[in-house]
Amino acid sequence: MGANFQFDKMLPSIDIEAKSITDPKRQVQVFTHDGELWLRIGAINQEDSGVDRVTVKLSAQHAKEIIAAIESGIAYLGGG
């Protein structure tokens, strides 16, 4: 059975990591596969390439902590 993607988008990246690339983006994915939850971030301006991507397995606890951190960041930005 294949991966089931809950989130898969190209998002803006930090300029200093992109060196001389204009408008850098990284593919960010959240997906389930083989009964596990995964977070993957790709290389600069590489969509669906499988090149230099980093994937981590998230436990339910770690996923909840990431969600809480993102919600805190949204509140800081005045969005919640």
Protein backbone atom coordinates (compact mmCIF):
# COMPACT_ATOMS: atom_id res chain seq x y z
CA MET A 1 0.00 0.00 0.00
CA GLY A 2 1.32 3.44 -0.93
CA ALA A 3 1.72 6.62 1.04
CA ASN A 4 -1.34 8.68 1.92
CA PHE A 5 -0.45 12.39 1.83
CA GLN A 6 -2.25 14.72 4.24
CA PHE A 7 -0.11 17.73 3.23
CA ASP A 8 2.08 18.22 0.15
CA LYS A 9 3.04 21.76 -0.89
CA MET A 10 5.98 23.83 -2.05
CA LEU A 11 6.58 26.44 0.68
CA PRO A 12 8.91 29.45 0.80
CA SER A 13 12.38 28.72 2.12
CA ILE A 14 14.94 30.93 3.79
CA ASP A 15 17.12 32.86 1.34
CA ILE A 16 20.43 32.12 3.08
CA GLU A 17 19.93 28.37 2.54
CA ALA A 18 19.15 28.93 -1.14
CA LYS A 19 22.43 30.71 -1.91
CA SER A 20 21.76 32.48 -5.23
CA ILE A 21 18.40 30.89 -6.12
CA THR A 22 15.60 33.42 -6.52
CA ASP A 23 12.28 32.69 -4.77
CA PRO A 24 13.45 29.46 -3.09
CA LYS A 25 10.87 26.87 -2.07
CA ARG A 26 10.97 23.46 -0.41
CA GLN A 27 8.46 20.67 -0.74
CA VAL A 28 6.90 19.85 2.65
CA GLN A 29 4.94 16.64 3.05
CA VAL A 30 3.06 14.98 5.88
CA PHE A 31 2.01 11.44 5.08
CA THR A 32 1.18 8.04 6.47
CA HIS A 33 2.84 4.89 5.21
CA ASP A 34 3.04 1.39 6.60
CA GLY A 35 1.09 2.38 9.73
CA GLU A 36 3.43 5.27 10.59
CA LEU A 37 3.25 9.09 10.36
CA TRP A 38 6.04 10.88 8.48
CA LEU A 39 7.25 14.45 7.87
CA ARG A 40 9.43 15.10 4.82
CA ILE A 41 11.18 18.27 3.64
CA GLY A 42 12.81 18.38 0.24
CA ALA A 43 15.75 20.18 -1.28
CA ILE A 44 15.51 23.75 -2.60
CA ASN A 45 13.25 23.95 -5.67
CA GLN A 46 13.05 20.16 -6.06
CA GLU A 47 9.45 18.98 -6.27
CA ASP A 48 8.81 15.22 -6.32
CA SER A 49 12.44 14.60 -7.27
CA GLY A 50 13.53 12.39 -4.39
CA VAL A 51 16.81 14.36 -4.28
CA ASP A 52 18.35 15.39 -0.94
CA ARG A 53 15.09 15.11 0.98
CA VAL A 54 14.94 14.50 4.72
CA THR A 55 12.22 12.32 6.24
CA VAL A 56 11.45 11.78 9.92
CA LYS A 57 8.97 9.47 11.63
CA LEU A 58 6.61 11.24 14.03
CA SER A 59 5.15 9.61 17.10
CA ALA A 60 1.69 10.77 18.13
CA GLN A 61 3.32 12.76 20.95
CA HIS A 62 5.83 14.48 18.68
CA ALA A 63 3.07 15.32 16.18
CA LYS A 64 1.02 16.90 18.98
CA GLU A 65 4.05 18.93 20.10
CA ILE A 66 4.65 20.17 16.55
CA ILE A 67 0.97 21.12 16.23
CA ALA A 68 1.16 23.04 19.53
CA ALA A 69 4.32 24.83 18.38
CA ILE A 70 2.70 25.82 15.07
CA GLU A 71 -0.43 27.05 16.85
CA SER A 72 1.76 29.11 19.19
CA GLY A 73 3.51 30.62 16.16
CA ILE A 74 0.16 31.44 14.56
CA ALA A 75 -0.92 33.21 17.76
CA TYR A 76 2.37 35.16 17.74
CA LEU A 77 1.60 36.31 14.19
CA GLY A 78 -1.81 37.50 15.37
CA GLY A 79 -3.73 34.79 13.56
CA GLY A 80 -5.32 33.07 16.48
